Amino acid sequence: MIKRYCLILLVFFLIAQANATDHEDCSLNGIRLYGKVQFVKNFADLKVKFVDSFPDLKVQFVDNFADHCGQWQKVDAFPDFKVQIVDSFEDLKIQKVQTIPGMIRN
């Protein structure tokens, strides 16, 4: 019985680590969370959900020079990464802000 509980805890730990967010370099699974972003309906690098509270990342949309954590520049071609907006099973919860973008530390 104890082995079963240990196995369940190990599985939950591994699942949590598989979706690893690196606060030091502002990335998720090796994808930088700043730069040029293209919104797509299929074949996205990240699935995001827009929220009003408790985000993982605060995003500021800029017209150019998206070179700090949480700054995104919308483009139609040659993106740094592609994003799909979903209602559930997201990789990242984001909140749109006008100032002070960046990762939220848990």
PDB file of N, CA and C in Angstrom:
ATOM      1  N   MET A   1       0.820  -1.189   0.000  1.00  0.00           N
ATOM      2  CA  MET A   1       0.000   0.000   0.000  1.00  0.00           C
ATOM      3  C   MET A   1       0.871   1.263   0.000  1.00  0.00           C
ATOM      4  N   ILE A   2       1.936   1.242   0.786  1.00  0.00           N
ATOM      5  CA  ILE A   2       2.839   2.391   0.855  1.00  0.00           C
ATOM      6  C   ILE A   2       3.557   2.571  -0.480  1.00  0.00           C
ATOM      7  N   LYS A   3       3.910   1.462  -1.112  1.00  0.00           N
ATOM      8  CA  LYS A   3       4.559   1.559  -2.419  1.00  0.00           C
ATOM      9  C   LYS A   3       3.650   2.239  -3.432  1.00  0.00           C
ATOM     10  N   ARG A   4       2.369   1.951  -3.359  1.00  0.00           N
ATOM     11  CA  ARG A   4       1.416   2.547  -4.291  1.00  0.00           C
ATOM     12  C   ARG A   4       1.352   4.064  -4.085  1.00  0.00           C
ATOM     13  N   TYR A   5       1.309   4.509  -2.826  1.00  0.00           N
ATOM     14  CA  TYR A   5       1.279   5.948  -2.537  1.00  0.00           C
ATOM     15  C   TYR A   5       2.566   6.634  -2.981  1.00  0.00           C
ATOM     16  N   CYS A   6       3.685   5.973  -2.761  1.00  0.00           N
ATOM     17  CA  CYS A   6       4.963   6.536  -3.204  1.00  0.00           C
ATOM     18  C   CYS A   6       5.008   6.654  -4.720  1.00  0.00           C
ATOM     19  N   LEU A   7       4.502   5.661  -5.406  1.00  0.00           N
ATOM     20  CA  LEU A   7       4.461   5.691  -6.864  1.00  0.00           C
ATOM     21  C   LEU A   7       3.560   6.826  -7.360  1.00  0.00           C
ATOM     22  N   ILE A   8       2.406   7.005  -6.728  1.00  0.00           N
ATOM     23  CA  ILE A   8       1.501   8.085  -7.118  1.00  0.00           C
ATOM     24  C   ILE A   8       2.156   9.436  -6.903  1.00  0.00           C
ATOM     25  N   LEU A   9       2.823   9.632  -5.777  1.00  0.00           N
ATOM     26  CA  LEU A   9       3.523  10.891  -5.514  1.00  0.00           C
ATOM     27  C   LEU A   9       4.635  11.134  -6.522  1.00  0.00           C
ATOM     28  N   LEU A  10       5.356  10.088  -6.877  1.00  0.00           N
ATOM     29  CA  LEU A  10       6.420  10.215  -7.859  1.00  0.00           C
ATOM     30  C   LEU A  10       5.864  10.629  -9.223  1.00  0.00           C
ATOM     31  N   VAL A  11       4.742  10.053  -9.623  1.00  0.00           N
ATOM     32  CA  VAL A  11       4.124  10.392 -10.906  1.00  0.00           C
ATOM     33  C   VAL A  11       3.698  11.854 -10.909  1.00  0.00           C
ATOM     34  N   PHE A  12       3.067  12.327  -9.838  1.00  0.00           N
ATOM     35  CA  PHE A  12       2.663  13.735  -9.764  1.00  0.00           C
ATOM     36  C   PHE A  12       3.863  14.662  -9.813  1.00  0.00           C
ATOM     37  N   PHE A  13       4.938  14.286  -9.158  1.00  0.00           N
ATOM     38  CA  PHE A  13       6.151  15.097  -9.179  1.00  0.00           C
ATOM     39  C   PHE A  13       6.728  15.175 -10.587  1.00  0.00           C
ATOM     40  N   LEU A  14       6.767  14.055 -11.284  1.00  0.00           N
ATOM     41  CA  LEU A  14       7.307  14.039 -12.642  1.00  0.00           C
ATOM     42  C   LEU A  14       6.434  14.833 -13.610  1.00  0.00           C
ATOM     43  N   ILE A  15       5.134  14.778 -13.438  1.00  0.00           N
ATOM     44  CA  ILE A  15       4.240  15.568 -14.289  1.00  0.00           C
ATOM     45  C   ILE A  15       4.465  17.050 -14.045  1.00  0.00           C
ATOM     46  N   ALA A  16       4.618  17.437 -12.800  1.00  0.00           N
ATOM     47  CA  ALA A  16       4.858  18.847 -12.474  1.00  0.00           C
ATOM     48  C   ALA A  16       6.180  19.319 -13.064  1.00  0.00           C
ATOM     49  N   GLN A  17       7.198  18.497 -13.056  1.00  0.00           N
ATOM     50  CA  GLN A  17       8.495  18.866 -13.597  1.00  0.00           C
ATOM     51  C   GLN A  17       8.507  18.877 -15.118  1.00  0.00           C
ATOM     52  N   ALA A  18       7.624  18.118 -15.749  1.00  0.00           N
ATOM     53  CA  ALA A  18       7.583  18.071 -17.210  1.00  0.00           C
ATOM     54  C   ALA A  18       7.150  19.415 -17.790  1.00  0.00           C
ATOM     55  N   ASN A  19       6.374  20.158 -17.052  1.00  0.00           N
ATOM     56  CA  ASN A  19       5.914  21.472 -17.490  1.00  0.00           C
ATOM     57  C   ASN A  19       6.745  22.529 -16.777  1.00  0.00           C
ATOM     58  N   ALA A  20       8.045  22.375 -16.793  1.00  0.00           N
ATOM     59  CA  ALA A  20       8.942  23.194 -15.992  1.00  0.00           C
ATOM     60  C   ALA A  20       9.055  24.616 -16.522  1.00  0.00           C
ATOM     61  N   THR A  21       8.793  25.563 -15.636  1.00  0.00           N
ATOM     62  CA  THR A  21       8.961  26.972 -15.947  1.00  0.00           C
ATOM     63  C   THR A  21      10.258  27.433 -15.320  1.00  0.00           C
ATOM     64  N   ASP A  22      11.109  28.057 -16.103  1.00  0.00           N
ATOM     65  CA  ASP A  22      12.380  28.564 -15.609  1.00  0.00           C
ATOM     66  C   ASP A  22      12.270  30.073 -15.414  1.00  0.00           C
ATOM     67  N   HIS A  23      12.206  30.487 -14.152  1.00  0.00           N
ATOM     68  CA  HIS A  23      12.062  31.911 -13.841  1.00  0.00           C
ATOM     69  C   HIS A  23      13.329  32.690 -14.147  1.00  0.00           C
ATOM     70  N   GLU A  24      14.476  32.048 -14.127  1.00  0.00           N
ATOM     71  CA  GLU A  24      15.738  32.754 -14.340  1.00  0.00           C
ATOM     72  C   GLU A  24      15.870  33.292 -15.764  1.00  0.00           C
ATOM     73  N   ASP A  25      15.500  32.480 -16.754  1.00  0.00           N
ATOM     74  CA  ASP A  25      15.646  32.957 -18.133  1.00  0.00           C
ATOM     75  C   ASP A  25      14.295  33.162 -18.827  1.00  0.00           C
ATOM     76  N   CYS A  26      13.212  33.194 -18.043  1.00  0.00           N
ATOM     77  CA  CYS A  26      11.869  33.498 -18.557  1.00  0.00           C
ATOM     78  C   CYS A  26      11.514  32.557 -19.701  1.00  0.00           C
ATOM     79  N   SER A  27      11.465  31.266 -19.408  1.00  0.00           N
ATOM     80  CA  SER A  27      11.136  30.293 -20.444  1.00  0.00           C
ATOM     81  C   SER A  27      10.227  29.208 -19.890  1.00  0.00           C
ATOM     82  N   LEU A  28       9.575  28.515 -20.791  1.00  0.00           N
ATOM     83  CA  LEU A  28       8.737  27.372 -20.459  1.00  0.00           C
ATOM     84  C   LEU A  28       9.067  26.279 -21.454  1.00  0.00           C
ATOM     85  N   ASN A  29       9.572  25.172 -20.957  1.00  0.00           N
ATOM     86  CA  ASN A  29       9.955  24.043 -21.814  1.00  0.00           C
ATOM     87  C   ASN A  29      10.905  24.464 -22.928  1.00  0.00           C
ATOM     88  N   GLY A  30      11.824  25.379 -22.617  1.00  0.00           N
ATOM     89  CA  GLY A  30      12.817  25.826 -23.575  1.00  0.00           C
ATOM     90  C   GLY A  30      12.357  26.931 -24.507  1.00  0.00           C
ATOM     91  N   ILE A  31      11.129  27.394 -24.358  1.00  0.00           N
ATOM     92  CA  ILE A  31      10.601  28.474 -25.199  1.00  0.00           C
ATOM     93  C   ILE A  31      10.665  29.774 -24.422  1.00  0.00           C
ATOM     94  N   ARG A  32      11.383  30.763 -24.973  1.00  0.00           N
ATOM     95  CA  ARG A  32      11.456  32.076 -24.324  1.00  0.00           C
ATOM     96  C   ARG A  32      10.079  32.712 -24.328  1.00  0.00           C
ATOM     97  N   LEU A  33       9.692  33.302 -23.229  1.00  0.00           N
ATOM     98  CA  LEU A  33       8.369  33.887 -23.096  1.00  0.00           C
ATOM     99  C   LEU A  33       8.382  35.381 -23.385  1.00  0.00           C
ATOM    100  N   TYR A  34       9.159  35.763 -24.355  1.00  0.00           N
ATOM    101  CA  TYR A  34       9.192  37.144 -24.841  1.00  0.00           C
ATOM    102  C   TYR A  34       9.636  37.117 -26.289  1.00  0.00           C
ATOM    103  N   GLY A  35       9.288  38.182 -26.995  1.00  0.00           N
ATOM    104  CA  GLY A  35       9.685  38.273 -28.396  1.00  0.00           C
ATOM    105  C   GLY A  35       8.497  38.323 -29.319  1.00  0.00           C
ATOM    106  N   LYS A  36       8.728  37.922 -30.551  1.00  0.00           N
ATOM    107  CA  LYS A  36       7.696  37.967 -31.591  1.00  0.00           C
ATOM    108  C   LYS A  36       6.806  36.735 -31.473  1.00  0.00           C
ATOM    109  N   VAL A  37       5.509  36.953 -31.392  1.00  0.00           N
ATOM    110  CA  VAL A  37       4.553  35.862 -31.204  1.00  0.00           C
ATOM    111  C   VAL A  37       3.486  35.910 -32.293  1.00  0.00           C
ATOM    112  N   GLN A  38       3.138  34.730 -32.767  1.00  0.00           N
ATOM    113  CA  GLN A  38       2.078  34.601 -33.759  1.00  0.00           C
ATOM    114  C   GLN A  38       0.962  33.773 -33.140  1.00  0.00           C
ATOM    115  N   PHE A  39      -0.261  34.278 -33.212  1.00  0.00           N
ATOM    116  CA  PHE A  39      -1.414  33.545 -32.700  1.00  0.00           C
ATOM    117  C   PHE A  39      -1.948  32.656 -33.808  1.00  0.00           C
ATOM    118  N   VAL A  40      -2.079  31.367 -33.503  1.00  0.00           N
ATOM    119  CA  VAL A  40      -2.507  30.373 -34.487  1.00  0.00           C
ATOM    120  C   VAL A  40      -3.647  29.536 -33.913  1.00  0.00           C
ATOM    121  N   LYS A  41      -4.324  28.799 -34.795  1.00  0.00           N
ATOM    122  CA  LYS A  41      -5.399  27.914 -34.356  1.00  0.00           C
ATOM    123  C   LYS A  41      -4.923  26.476 -34.183  1.00  0.00           C
ATOM    124  N   ASN A  42      -3.820  26.125 -34.837  1.00  0.00           N
ATOM    125  CA  ASN A  42      -3.277  24.763 -34.776  1.00  0.00           C
ATOM    126  C   ASN A  42      -1.755  24.809 -34.750  1.00  0.00           C
ATOM    127  N   PHE A  43      -1.164  23.726 -34.290  1.00  0.00           N
ATOM    128  CA  PHE A  43       0.283  23.539 -34.312  1.00  0.00           C
ATOM    129  C   PHE A  43       1.039  24.635 -33.558  1.00  0.00           C
ATOM    130  N   ALA A  44       0.557  24.969 -32.384  1.00  0.00           N
ATOM    131  CA  ALA A  44       1.176  26.005 -31.556  1.00  0.00           C
ATOM    132  C   ALA A  44       2.312  25.416 -30.720  1.00  0.00           C
ATOM    133  N   ASP A  45       3.261  26.281 -30.372  1.00  0.00           N
ATOM    134  CA  ASP A  45       4.324  25.900 -29.455  1.00  0.00           C
ATOM    135  C   ASP A  45       3.814  25.902 -28.018  1.00  0.00           C
ATOM    136  N   LEU A  46       2.896  26.838 -27.717  1.00  0.00           N
ATOM    137  CA  LEU A  46       2.312  26.963 -26.384  1.00  0.00           C
ATOM    138  C   LEU A  46       0.809  27.149 -26.484  1.00  0.00           C
ATOM    139  N   LYS A  47       0.086  26.582 -25.534  1.00  0.00           N
ATOM    140  CA  LYS A  47      -1.344  26.823 -25.404  1.00  0.00           C
ATOM    141  C   LYS A  47      -1.524  27.715 -24.184  1.00  0.00           C
ATOM    142  N   VAL A  48      -2.199  28.844 -24.374  1.00  0.00           N
ATOM    143  CA  VAL A  48      -2.360  29.807 -23.289  1.00  0.00           C
ATOM    144  C   VAL A  48      -3.832  30.077 -23.030  1.00  0.00           C
ATOM    145  N   LYS A  49      -4.095  30.480 -21.795  1.00  0.00           N
ATOM    146  CA  LYS A  49      -5.429  30.879 -21.388  1.00  0.00           C
ATOM    147  C   LYS A  49      -5.309  32.270 -20.782  1.00  0.00           C
ATOM    148  N   PHE A  50      -6.117  33.213 -21.267  1.00  0.00           N
ATOM    149  CA  PHE A  50      -6.135  34.550 -20.700  1.00  0.00           C
ATOM    150  C   PHE A  50      -6.963  34.523 -19.420  1.00  0.00           C
ATOM    151  N   VAL A  51      -6.415  35.093 -18.350  1.00  0.00           N
ATOM    152  CA  VAL A  51      -7.093  35.150 -17.058  1.00  0.00           C
ATOM    153  C   VAL A  51      -7.028  36.575 -16.521  1.00  0.00           C
ATOM    154  N   ASP A  52      -7.917  36.870 -15.569  1.00  0.00           N
ATOM    155  CA  ASP A  52      -7.916  38.180 -14.921  1.00  0.00           C
ATOM    156  C   ASP A  52      -7.153  38.169 -13.603  1.00  0.00           C
ATOM    157  N   SER A  53      -6.956  36.983 -13.050  1.00  0.00           N
ATOM    158  CA  SER A  53      -6.236  36.889 -11.778  1.00  0.00           C
ATOM    159  C   SER A  53      -5.455  35.581 -11.717  1.00  0.00           C
ATOM    160  N   PHE A  54      -4.451  35.567 -10.880  1.00  0.00           N
ATOM    161  CA  PHE A  54      -3.576  34.409 -10.667  1.00  0.00           C
ATOM    162  C   PHE A  54      -2.922  33.889 -11.948  1.00  0.00           C
ATOM    163  N   PRO A  55      -2.255  34.759 -12.707  1.00  0.00           N
ATOM    164  CA  PRO A  55      -1.575  34.302 -13.928  1.00  0.00           C
ATOM    165  C   PRO A  55      -0.221  33.679 -13.607  1.00  0.00           C
ATOM    166  N   ASP A  56       0.309  32.949 -14.581  1.00  0.00           N
ATOM    167  CA  ASP A  56       1.684  32.472 -14.518  1.00  0.00           C
ATOM    168  C   ASP A  56       2.626  33.521 -15.098  1.00  0.00           C
ATOM    169  N   LEU A  57       2.100  34.305 -16.051  1.00  0.00           N
ATOM    170  CA  LEU A  57       2.896  35.309 -16.749  1.00  0.00           C
ATOM    171  C   LEU A  57       2.041  36.530 -17.035  1.00  0.00           C
ATOM    172  N   LYS A  58       2.578  37.697 -16.727  1.00  0.00           N
ATOM    173  CA  LYS A  58       1.922  38.949 -17.099  1.00  0.00           C
ATOM    174  C   LYS A  58       2.537  39.400 -18.418  1.00  0.00           C
ATOM    175  N   VAL A  59       1.676  39.655 -19.425  1.00  0.00           N
ATOM    176  CA  VAL A  59       2.132  39.956 -20.772  1.00  0.00           C
ATOM    177  C   VAL A  59       1.782  41.403 -21.134  1.00  0.00           C
ATOM    178  N   GLN A  60       2.772  42.087 -21.658  1.00  0.00           N
ATOM    179  CA  GLN A  60       2.582  43.432 -22.194  1.00  0.00           C
ATOM    180  C   GLN A  60       2.804  43.348 -23.698  1.00  0.00           C
ATOM    181  N   PHE A  61       1.796  43.746 -24.470  1.00  0.00           N
ATOM    182  CA  PHE A  61       1.938  43.746 -25.919  1.00  0.00           C
ATOM    183  C   PHE A  61       2.590  45.053 -26.346  1.00  0.00           C
ATOM    184  N   VAL A  62       3.671  44.942 -27.125  1.00  0.00           N
ATOM    185  CA  VAL A  62       4.442  46.103 -27.561  1.00  0.00           C
ATOM    186  C   VAL A  62       4.499  46.118 -29.084  1.00  0.00           C
ATOM    187  N   ASP A  63       4.815  47.285 -29.641  1.00  0.00           N
ATOM    188  CA  ASP A  63       4.907  47.420 -31.092  1.00  0.00           C
ATOM    189  C   ASP A  63       6.262  46.989 -31.634  1.00  0.00           C
ATOM    190  N   ASN A  64       7.307  47.110 -30.831  1.00  0.00           N
ATOM    191  CA  ASN A  64       8.642  46.669 -31.242  1.00  0.00           C
ATOM    192  C   ASN A  64       9.523  46.494 -30.012  1.00  0.00           C
ATOM    193  N   PHE A  65      10.677  45.901 -30.209  1.00  0.00           N
ATOM    194  CA  PHE A  65      11.666  45.647 -29.158  1.00  0.00           C
ATOM    195  C   PHE A  65      11.080  44.849 -27.990  1.00  0.00           C
ATOM    196  N   ALA A  66      10.525  43.715 -28.271  1.00  0.00           N
ATOM    197  CA  ALA A  66      10.006  42.819 -27.240  1.00  0.00           C
ATOM    198  C   ALA A  66      11.153  41.966 -26.725  1.00  0.00           C
ATOM    199  N   ASP A  67      12.014  42.577 -25.914  1.00  0.00           N
ATOM    200  CA  ASP A  67      13.223  41.882 -25.483  1.00  0.00           C
ATOM    201  C   ASP A  67      13.322  41.700 -23.973  1.00  0.00           C
ATOM    202  N   HIS A  68      12.217  41.878 -23.251  1.00  0.00           N
ATOM    203  CA  HIS A  68      12.199  41.635 -21.809  1.00  0.00           C
ATOM    204  C   HIS A  68      11.107  40.623 -21.493  1.00  0.00           C
ATOM    205  N   CYS A  69      11.257  39.950 -20.400  1.00  0.00           N
ATOM    206  CA  CYS A  69      10.329  38.899 -19.989  1.00  0.00           C
ATOM    207  C   CYS A  69       8.883  39.411 -19.990  1.00  0.00           C
ATOM    208  N   GLY A  70       8.019  38.717 -20.718  1.00  0.00           N
ATOM    209  CA  GLY A  70       6.609  39.059 -20.764  1.00  0.00           C
ATOM    210  C   GLY A  70       6.230  40.071 -21.820  1.00  0.00           C
ATOM    211  N   GLN A  71       7.182  40.588 -22.564  1.00  0.00           N
ATOM    212  CA  GLN A  71       6.857  41.518 -23.647  1.00  0.00           C
ATOM    213  C   GLN A  71       6.659  40.722 -24.931  1.00  0.00           C
ATOM    214  N   TRP A  72       5.492  40.883 -25.531  1.00  0.00           N
ATOM    215  CA  TRP A  72       5.161  40.163 -26.752  1.00  0.00           C
ATOM    216  C   TRP A  72       4.852  41.152 -27.865  1.00  0.00           C
ATOM    217  N   GLN A  73       5.381  40.863 -29.039  1.00  0.00           N
ATOM    218  CA  GLN A  73       5.086  41.648 -30.241  1.00  0.00           C
ATOM    219  C   GLN A  73       4.320  40.734 -31.194  1.00  0.00           C
ATOM    220  N   LYS A  74       3.079  41.098 -31.513  1.00  0.00           N
ATOM    221  CA  LYS A  74       2.271  40.285 -32.428  1.00  0.00           C
ATOM    222  C   LYS A  74       2.806  40.426 -33.851  1.00  0.00           C
ATOM    223  N   VAL A  75       3.010  39.294 -34.524  1.00  0.00           N
ATOM    224  CA  VAL A  75       3.462  39.282 -35.911  1.00  0.00           C
ATOM    225  C   VAL A  75       2.652  38.258 -36.694  1.00  0.00           C
ATOM    226  N   ASP A  76       2.661  38.395 -38.009  1.00  0.00           N
ATOM    227  CA  ASP A  76       1.981  37.443 -38.876  1.00  0.00           C
ATOM    228  C   ASP A  76       2.952  36.466 -39.542  1.00  0.00           C
ATOM    229  N   ALA A  77       4.249  36.782 -39.489  1.00  0.00           N
ATOM    230  CA  ALA A  77       5.247  35.916 -40.109  1.00  0.00           C
ATOM    231  C   ALA A  77       6.546  35.959 -39.307  1.00  0.00           C
ATOM    232  N   PHE A  78       7.310  34.915 -39.388  1.00  0.00           N
ATOM    233  CA  PHE A  78       8.615  34.784 -38.744  1.00  0.00           C
ATOM    234  C   PHE A  78       8.566  35.023 -37.234  1.00  0.00           C
ATOM    235  N   PRO A  79       7.693  34.293 -36.518  1.00  0.00           N
ATOM    236  CA  PRO A  79       7.618  34.473 -35.065  1.00  0.00           C
ATOM    237  C   PRO A  79       8.746  33.747 -34.348  1.00  0.00           C
ATOM    238  N   ASP A  80       8.990  34.157 -33.111  1.00  0.00           N
ATOM    239  CA  ASP A  80       9.898  33.411 -32.236  1.00  0.00           C
ATOM    240  C   ASP A  80       9.188  32.166 -31.695  1.00  0.00           C
ATOM    241  N   PHE A  81       7.885  32.289 -31.467  1.00  0.00           N
ATOM    242  CA  PHE A  81       7.074  31.148 -31.043  1.00  0.00           C
ATOM    243  C   PHE A  81       5.621  31.399 -31.423  1.00  0.00           C
ATOM    244  N   LYS A  82       4.849  30.296 -31.473  1.00  0.00           N
ATOM    245  CA  LYS A  82       3.438  30.366 -31.852  1.00  0.00           C
ATOM    246  C   LYS A  82       2.576  30.005 -30.657  1.00  0.00           C
ATOM    247  N   VAL A  83       1.438  30.700 -30.531  1.00  0.00           N
ATOM    248  CA  VAL A  83       0.558  30.548 -29.379  1.00  0.00           C
ATOM    249  C   VAL A  83      -0.864  30.255 -29.846  1.00  0.00           C
ATOM    250  N   GLN A  84      -1.499  29.322 -29.158  1.00  0.00           N
ATOM    251  CA  GLN A  84      -2.907  29.024 -29.388  1.00  0.00           C
ATOM    252  C   GLN A  84      -3.679  29.390 -28.128  1.00  0.00           C
ATOM    253  N   ILE A  85      -4.785  30.105 -28.271  1.00  0.00           N
ATOM    254  CA  ILE A  85      -5.613  30.468 -27.126  1.00  0.00           C
ATOM    255  C   ILE A  85      -6.622  29.349 -26.897  1.00  0.00           C
ATOM    256  N   VAL A  86      -6.670  28.851 -25.651  1.00  0.00           N
ATOM    257  CA  VAL A  86      -7.566  27.758 -25.289  1.00  0.00           C
ATOM    258  C   VAL A  86      -8.340  28.132 -24.028  1.00  0.00           C
ATOM    259  N   ASP A  87      -9.397  27.374 -23.747  1.00  0.00           N
ATOM    260  CA  ASP A  87     -10.184  27.578 -22.537  1.00  0.00           C
ATOM    261  C   ASP A  87      -9.801  26.610 -21.429  1.00  0.00           C
ATOM    262  N   SER A  88      -9.154  25.513 -21.795  1.00  0.00           N
ATOM    263  CA  SER A  88      -8.746  24.525 -20.794  1.00  0.00           C
ATOM    264  C   SER A  88      -7.509  23.781 -21.285  1.00  0.00           C
ATOM    265  N   PHE A  89      -6.868  23.087 -20.386  1.00  0.00           N
ATOM    266  CA  PHE A  89      -5.648  22.323 -20.665  1.00  0.00           C
ATOM    267  C   PHE A  89      -4.543  23.205 -21.233  1.00  0.00           C
ATOM    268  N   GLU A  90      -4.384  24.378 -20.651  1.00  0.00           N
ATOM    269  CA  GLU A  90      -3.372  25.328 -21.092  1.00  0.00           C
ATOM    270  C   GLU A  90      -1.998  24.962 -20.534  1.00  0.00           C
ATOM    271  N   ASP A  91      -0.970  25.426 -21.230  1.00  0.00           N
ATOM    272  CA  ASP A  91       0.395  25.313 -20.738  1.00  0.00           C
ATOM    273  C   ASP A  91       0.716  26.472 -19.797  1.00  0.00           C
ATOM    274  N   LEU A  92       0.045  27.595 -20.025  1.00  0.00           N
ATOM    275  CA  LEU A  92       0.383  28.831 -19.325  1.00  0.00           C
ATOM    276  C   LEU A  92      -0.854  29.713 -19.206  1.00  0.00           C
ATOM    277  N   LYS A  93      -1.047  30.275 -18.011  1.00  0.00           N
ATOM    278  CA  LYS A  93      -2.114  31.262 -17.816  1.00  0.00           C
ATOM    279  C   LYS A  93      -1.478  32.641 -17.893  1.00  0.00           C
ATOM    280  N   ILE A  94      -2.039  33.501 -18.745  1.00  0.00           N
ATOM    281  CA  ILE A  94      -1.451  34.827 -18.905  1.00  0.00           C
ATOM    282  C   ILE A  94      -2.496  35.909 -18.629  1.00  0.00           C
ATOM    283  N   GLN A  95      -1.985  37.040 -18.168  1.00  0.00           N
ATOM    284  CA  GLN A  95      -2.803  38.212 -17.913  1.00  0.00           C
ATOM    285  C   GLN A  95      -2.223  39.367 -18.709  1.00  0.00           C
ATOM    286  N   LYS A  96      -3.076  40.056 -19.441  1.00  0.00           N
ATOM    287  CA  LYS A  96      -2.637  41.202 -20.237  1.00  0.00           C
ATOM    288  C   LYS A  96      -2.495  42.409 -19.313  1.00  0.00           C
ATOM    289  N   VAL A  97      -1.322  43.073 -19.363  1.00  0.00           N
ATOM    290  CA  VAL A  97      -1.056  44.245 -18.538  1.00  0.00           C
ATOM    291  C   VAL A  97      -0.498  45.371 -19.397  1.00  0.00           C
ATOM    292  N   GLN A  98      -0.568  46.577 -18.883  1.00  0.00           N
ATOM    293  CA  GLN A  98      -0.005  47.736 -19.566  1.00  0.00           C
ATOM    294  C   GLN A  98       1.417  48.031 -19.090  1.00  0.00           C
ATOM    295  N   THR A  99       1.728  47.657 -17.863  1.00  0.00           N
ATOM    296  CA  THR A  99       3.059  47.896 -17.287  1.00  0.00           C
ATOM    297  C   THR A  99       3.482  46.686 -16.459  1.00  0.00           C
ATOM    298  N   ILE A 100       4.755  46.603 -16.201  1.00  0.00           N
ATOM    299  CA  ILE A 100       5.392  45.576 -15.356  1.00  0.00           C
ATOM    300  C   ILE A 100       5.018  44.155 -15.782  1.00  0.00           C
ATOM    301  N   PRO A 101       5.441  43.743 -16.981  1.00  0.00           N
ATOM    302  CA  PRO A 101       5.242  42.356 -17.395  1.00  0.00           C
ATOM    303  C   PRO A 101       6.259  41.445 -16.720  1.00  0.00           C
ATOM    304  N   GLY A 102       6.009  40.151 -16.748  1.00  0.00           N
ATOM    305  CA  GLY A 102       6.994  39.197 -16.245  1.00  0.00           C
ATOM    306  C   GLY A 102       6.376  37.978 -15.610  1.00  0.00           C
ATOM    307  N   MET A 103       7.245  37.073 -15.173  1.00  0.00           N
ATOM    308  CA  MET A 103       6.832  35.816 -14.536  1.00  0.00           C
ATOM    309  C   MET A 103       6.334  36.089 -13.127  1.00  0.00           C
ATOM    310  N   ILE A 104       5.358  35.302 -12.725  1.00  0.00           N
ATOM    311  CA  ILE A 104       4.858  35.343 -11.355  1.00  0.00           C
ATOM    312  C   ILE A 104       5.496  34.183 -10.616  1.00  0.00           C
ATOM    313  N   ARG A 105       6.177  34.469  -9.546  1.00  0.00           N
ATOM    314  CA  ARG A 105       6.844  33.410  -8.777  1.00  0.00           C
ATOM    315  C   ARG A 105       5.853  32.767  -7.823  1.00  0.00           C
ATOM    316  N   ASN A 106       5.812  31.449  -7.850  1.00  0.00           N
ATOM    317  CA  ASN A 106       4.910  30.697  -6.951  1.00  0.00           C
ATOM    318  C   ASN A 106       5.661  30.202  -5.751  1.00  0.00           C
TER     319      ASN A 106
END
